[in-house]
Each structure stands twice: as C-alpha cells, then as structure tokens.
C-alpha cells in the first residue's frame, strides 16, 4: 500500500510540475525522455527476472493444474475489460485492452501506453493498475471469503510475486506462496507483449 501511494504521489508531483511550467518545455517536448525511461525500466526488469534463479526451482513444485491460473487471470481480465469497454466508446476496445493488460504493473504499462497512445491514456493506465493493487491489498480477506483462496492471487495480477504477496500469504495460507510467485512471474512476463500488441492495433 505504501509503495502504491508513493508512486501516485510522484505522479501528482509530476503533474503539478508540468502544469506549473517549472521545467522548460524544450527540455521535455520531443526529447524522447519517456522512451529512454522505458528502455531503462525494461533493462531493470530483465535484470530482476534473470537474477532470481530460484524462480525455476519454485515453478517445478507447483501443481500442474494450478499452473493454468495465470492464463485464467489473463483471459478473465481481458474478457472483463472487453465487456466494460462499451462504457468508454471514445477510447475504443483495443485501447481499453491495452490498459487492462497492465494487470497491476502500473509503472511499466503506463509508460508503454503513454509512448504509444499519449499521456491521457497513460494516466488512465496508471490509475487503473494502481487501483487493482490497492483493491487486492484492501479486500483480499473478502475475496477469500466469497470466492475462494485463489481469488486474491488472480485479483493481484502481476503484483502477486512482490507487493501483494504478504497479504495473500496471510489470507490464503503459506501453501499458496509458490503459486503466487509463479502466477506473478507469468503475468508479469506477459505485460510488455500484450500492452504493445494492443497499442499497435
């Protein structure tokens, strides 16, 4: 929760700096800063994935049937976004799918979408994906109570291997630790591909 609020705080700070013209426009407009920030972020994501050698060992211990959960999360999210896209006809189906394909990974998806679709949709992506993480953190006990122990994992999307992992372990049980990490890793891995794909349609 604290990490999400820090991210939103920096977003608000950046908005105020931009609105107040505290940074000369010539330093930002057309400079490609967002592209270089995206490249740096992708490099850091690659390092974090490549350096965690224990992920493959954990994956081997996951029940084969439960290994389908990340794919169910992806398909369910995209189906829900497709249904909800009719409420936002000015954005279009593929733009909504690009936002939904962030799966809670707000830092990466919002930069991608800003680069391809502009700052307005990038802001929507940031807020939508931050909300997904916050909802998982706040309502995980209710999700377990009404929908079962796998529900918080699916709701958490790409965040289940880091920020939402502690709450998932607490409400679903420690036996779902490996599944939660595996789920987060797989959904996390899909984000750059799916967001880019839908942005280009």
Protein backbone atom coordinates (compact mmCIF):
# COMPACT_ATOMS: atom_id res chain seq x y z
CA UNK A 1 0.00 0.00 0.00
CA UNK A 2 2.77 2.43 0.96
CA UNK A 3 4.62 1.78 -2.32
CA UNK A 4 1.47 2.47 -4.36
CA UNK A 5 0.85 5.74 -2.53
CA UNK A 6 4.46 6.82 -3.15
CA UNK A 7 4.05 6.13 -6.89
CA UNK A 8 0.77 8.08 -7.01
CA UNK A 9 2.43 10.90 -5.02
CA UNK A 10 5.24 11.21 -7.56
CA UNK A 11 2.67 11.19 -10.36
CA UNK A 12 0.76 14.05 -8.71
CA UNK A 13 4.03 15.90 -8.13
CA UNK A 14 4.99 15.50 -11.79
CA UNK A 15 1.57 16.73 -12.87
CA UNK A 16 1.92 19.83 -10.72
CA UNK A 17 5.44 20.50 -12.02
CA UNK A 18 4.20 20.14 -15.61
CA UNK A 19 1.10 22.28 -15.04
CA UNK A 20 3.18 24.97 -13.35
CA UNK A 21 5.72 25.01 -16.19
CA UNK A 22 8.53 24.61 -13.65
CA UNK A 23 10.59 22.71 -16.24
CA UNK A 24 11.15 24.42 -19.62
CA UNK A 25 9.01 22.80 -22.33
CA UNK A 26 12.00 22.47 -24.67
CA UNK A 27 13.62 20.03 -22.24
CA UNK A 28 10.60 17.71 -22.32
CA UNK A 29 8.72 18.11 -25.60
CA UNK A 30 10.16 15.95 -28.36
CA UNK A 31 13.16 14.93 -26.24
CA UNK A 32 12.23 11.24 -26.08
CA UNK A 33 12.66 11.16 -22.29
CA UNK A 34 9.81 8.67 -21.87
CA UNK A 35 11.40 6.35 -24.44
CA UNK A 36 14.74 6.33 -22.62
CA UNK A 37 12.96 5.86 -19.28
CA UNK A 38 11.11 2.90 -20.80
CA UNK A 39 14.37 1.37 -22.04
CA UNK A 40 15.95 1.78 -18.60
CA UNK A 41 12.89 0.25 -16.92
CA UNK A 42 12.91 -2.76 -19.29
CA UNK A 43 16.62 -3.24 -18.57
CA UNK A 44 15.93 -3.27 -14.81
CA UNK A 45 13.01 -5.70 -15.28
CA UNK A 46 15.30 -8.00 -17.27
CA UNK A 47 17.94 -7.91 -14.53
CA UNK A 48 15.39 -8.68 -11.78
CA UNK A 49 13.92 -11.62 -13.73
CA UNK A 50 17.30 -13.01 -14.77
CA UNK A 51 18.90 -12.73 -11.35
CA UNK A 52 16.18 -14.66 -9.50
CA UNK A 53 17.46 -18.18 -10.14
CA UNK A 54 15.11 -19.67 -7.55
CA UNK A 55 12.01 -18.97 -9.68
CA UNK A 56 12.50 -22.02 -11.89
CA UNK A 57 13.01 -24.26 -8.86
CA UNK A 58 9.79 -22.99 -7.29
CA UNK A 59 7.84 -23.45 -10.51
CA UNK A 60 8.66 -27.18 -10.59
CA UNK A 61 6.86 -27.69 -7.29
CA UNK A 62 3.56 -26.13 -8.46
CA UNK A 63 0.60 -28.43 -9.08
CA UNK A 64 0.23 -28.75 -12.90
CA UNK A 65 -3.49 -27.88 -12.76
CA UNK A 66 -2.83 -24.72 -10.75
CA UNK A 67 -0.25 -23.63 -13.33
CA UNK A 68 -3.21 -22.63 -15.50
CA UNK A 69 -4.18 -19.85 -13.05
CA UNK A 70 -2.07 -17.12 -14.75
CA UNK A 71 -3.74 -17.86 -18.08
CA UNK A 72 -7.18 -17.79 -16.46
CA UNK A 73 -6.28 -14.42 -14.89
CA UNK A 74 -5.18 -13.03 -18.26
CA UNK A 75 -8.22 -14.32 -20.15
CA UNK A 76 -10.64 -13.25 -17.41
CA UNK A 77 -9.17 -9.75 -17.20
CA UNK A 78 -9.28 -9.24 -20.95
CA UNK A 79 -12.85 -10.57 -21.12
CA UNK A 80 -13.93 -8.19 -18.34
CA UNK A 81 -12.20 -5.25 -19.99
CA UNK A 82 -13.84 -6.11 -23.32
CA UNK A 83 -17.25 -6.05 -21.66
CA UNK A 84 -16.50 -2.77 -19.85
CA UNK A 85 -15.07 -1.09 -22.97
CA UNK A 86 -18.61 -0.33 -24.18
CA UNK A 87 -18.81 2.21 -21.36
CA UNK A 88 -15.82 4.08 -22.86
CA UNK A 89 -16.53 4.25 -26.61
CA UNK A 90 -14.25 7.27 -27.09
CA UNK A 91 -11.20 5.15 -26.19
CA UNK A 92 -12.05 2.07 -28.22
CA UNK A 93 -11.74 -1.65 -27.48
CA UNK A 94 -8.02 -2.05 -28.15
CA UNK A 95 -7.02 0.95 -26.05
CA UNK A 96 -9.07 -0.44 -23.16
CA UNK A 97 -7.45 -3.85 -23.63
CA UNK A 98 -4.01 -2.20 -23.53
CA UNK A 99 -4.91 -0.60 -20.18
CA UNK A 100 -6.25 -3.90 -18.82
CA UNK A 101 -3.14 -5.75 -19.98
CA UNK A 102 -1.14 -3.91 -17.32
CA UNK A 103 -2.51 -6.44 -14.77
CA UNK A 104 -1.49 -4.16 -11.91
CA UNK A 105 2.02 -3.49 -13.27
CA UNK A 106 1.39 0.26 -13.35
CA UNK A 107 4.97 1.50 -13.77
CA UNK A 108 5.71 -0.46 -16.94
CA UNK A 109 2.29 -0.44 -18.61
CA UNK A 110 1.64 3.27 -18.12
CA UNK A 111 4.98 4.21 -19.72
CA UNK A 112 4.31 1.90 -22.67
CA UNK A 113 0.82 3.27 -23.20
CA UNK A 114 1.97 6.89 -22.86
CA UNK A 115 4.62 6.21 -25.51
CA UNK A 116 2.16 4.65 -27.96
CA UNK A 117 -1.18 6.28 -27.16
CA UNK A 118 -0.43 9.54 -25.36
CA UNK A 119 -0.42 10.92 -21.83
CA UNK A 120 -4.20 10.76 -21.29
CA UNK A 121 -4.49 7.01 -21.73
CA UNK A 122 -1.19 6.52 -19.93
CA UNK A 123 -2.67 8.30 -16.92
CA UNK A 124 -5.77 6.10 -17.09
CA UNK A 125 -3.49 3.04 -17.17
CA UNK A 126 -1.52 4.23 -14.16
CA UNK A 127 -4.60 4.87 -12.04
CA UNK A 128 -6.44 1.71 -13.16
CA UNK A 129 -3.49 -0.54 -12.35
CA UNK A 130 -2.71 1.17 -9.04
CA UNK A 131 -6.39 0.67 -8.13
CA UNK A 132 -6.11 -3.03 -8.95
CA UNK A 133 -3.23 -3.41 -6.50
CA UNK A 134 -4.92 -1.36 -3.78
CA UNK A 135 -8.19 -3.31 -4.15
CA UNK A 136 -6.27 -6.57 -3.73
CA UNK A 137 -4.49 -5.27 -0.63
CA UNK A 138 -7.68 -3.97 0.99
CA UNK A 139 -10.21 -6.62 0.00
CA UNK A 140 -8.15 -9.84 -0.03
CA UNK A 141 -9.95 -11.21 3.08
CA UNK A 142 -13.36 -10.65 1.46
CA UNK A 143 -12.17 -12.21 -1.81
CA UNK A 144 -11.13 -15.36 0.05
CA UNK A 145 -14.39 -15.43 2.00
CA UNK A 146 -16.70 -15.14 -1.02
CA UNK A 147 -14.66 -16.51 -3.95
CA UNK A 148 -12.06 -18.88 -2.51
CA UNK A 149 -8.34 -18.87 -1.73
CA UNK A 150 -7.24 -18.41 -5.34
CA UNK A 151 -9.25 -15.20 -5.77
CA UNK A 152 -6.72 -12.75 -4.24
CA UNK A 153 -3.97 -14.27 -6.39
CA UNK A 154 -5.97 -13.75 -9.56
CA UNK A 155 -7.05 -10.26 -8.46
CA UNK A 156 -3.46 -9.25 -7.73
CA UNK A 157 -2.35 -9.90 -11.31
CA UNK A 158 1.34 -9.14 -11.83
CA UNK A 159 1.79 -7.93 -8.24
CA UNK A 160 1.45 -11.35 -6.57
CA UNK A 161 5.18 -12.01 -6.62
CA UNK A 162 6.01 -8.83 -4.70
CA UNK A 163 3.71 -6.16 -3.22
CA UNK A 164 0.56 -8.23 -2.64
CA UNK A 165 2.40 -11.44 -1.69
CA UNK A 166 2.36 -10.82 2.11
CA UNK A 167 -1.41 -10.26 2.26
CA UNK A 168 -2.02 -13.28 0.01
CA UNK A 169 0.08 -15.47 2.29
CA UNK A 170 -1.82 -14.19 5.31
CA UNK A 171 -5.36 -14.72 3.98
CA UNK A 172 -4.88 -17.67 1.61
CA UNK A 173 -2.17 -19.52 3.52
CA UNK A 174 1.54 -20.19 3.14
CA UNK A 175 0.91 -23.19 0.89
CA UNK A 176 -0.05 -20.72 -1.86
CA UNK A 177 3.30 -18.92 -1.68
CA UNK A 178 4.90 -20.74 -4.61
CA UNK A 179 1.75 -20.49 -6.72
CA UNK A 180 1.51 -16.76 -6.01
CA UNK A 181 5.13 -16.17 -7.07
CA UNK A 182 4.68 -18.31 -10.19
CA UNK A 183 1.43 -16.50 -11.05
CA UNK A 184 3.02 -13.07 -10.64
CA UNK A 185 6.06 -14.08 -12.70
CA UNK A 186 3.99 -15.38 -15.63
CA UNK A 187 1.52 -12.47 -15.67
CA UNK A 188 4.38 -10.00 -15.22
CA UNK A 189 6.17 -11.56 -18.21
CA UNK A 190 3.09 -11.12 -20.42
CA UNK A 191 2.64 -7.39 -19.75
CA UNK A 192 5.10 -5.84 -22.25
CA UNK A 193 3.98 -8.17 -25.03
CA UNK A 194 0.23 -7.76 -24.56
CA UNK A 195 0.33 -3.99 -23.92
CA UNK A 196 2.49 -3.41 -27.00
CA UNK A 197 0.29 -5.72 -29.09
CA UNK A 198 -2.96 -3.93 -28.21
CA UNK A 199 -1.37 -0.48 -28.53
CA UNK A 200 -0.34 -1.28 -32.10
CA UNK A 201 -3.81 -2.43 -33.20
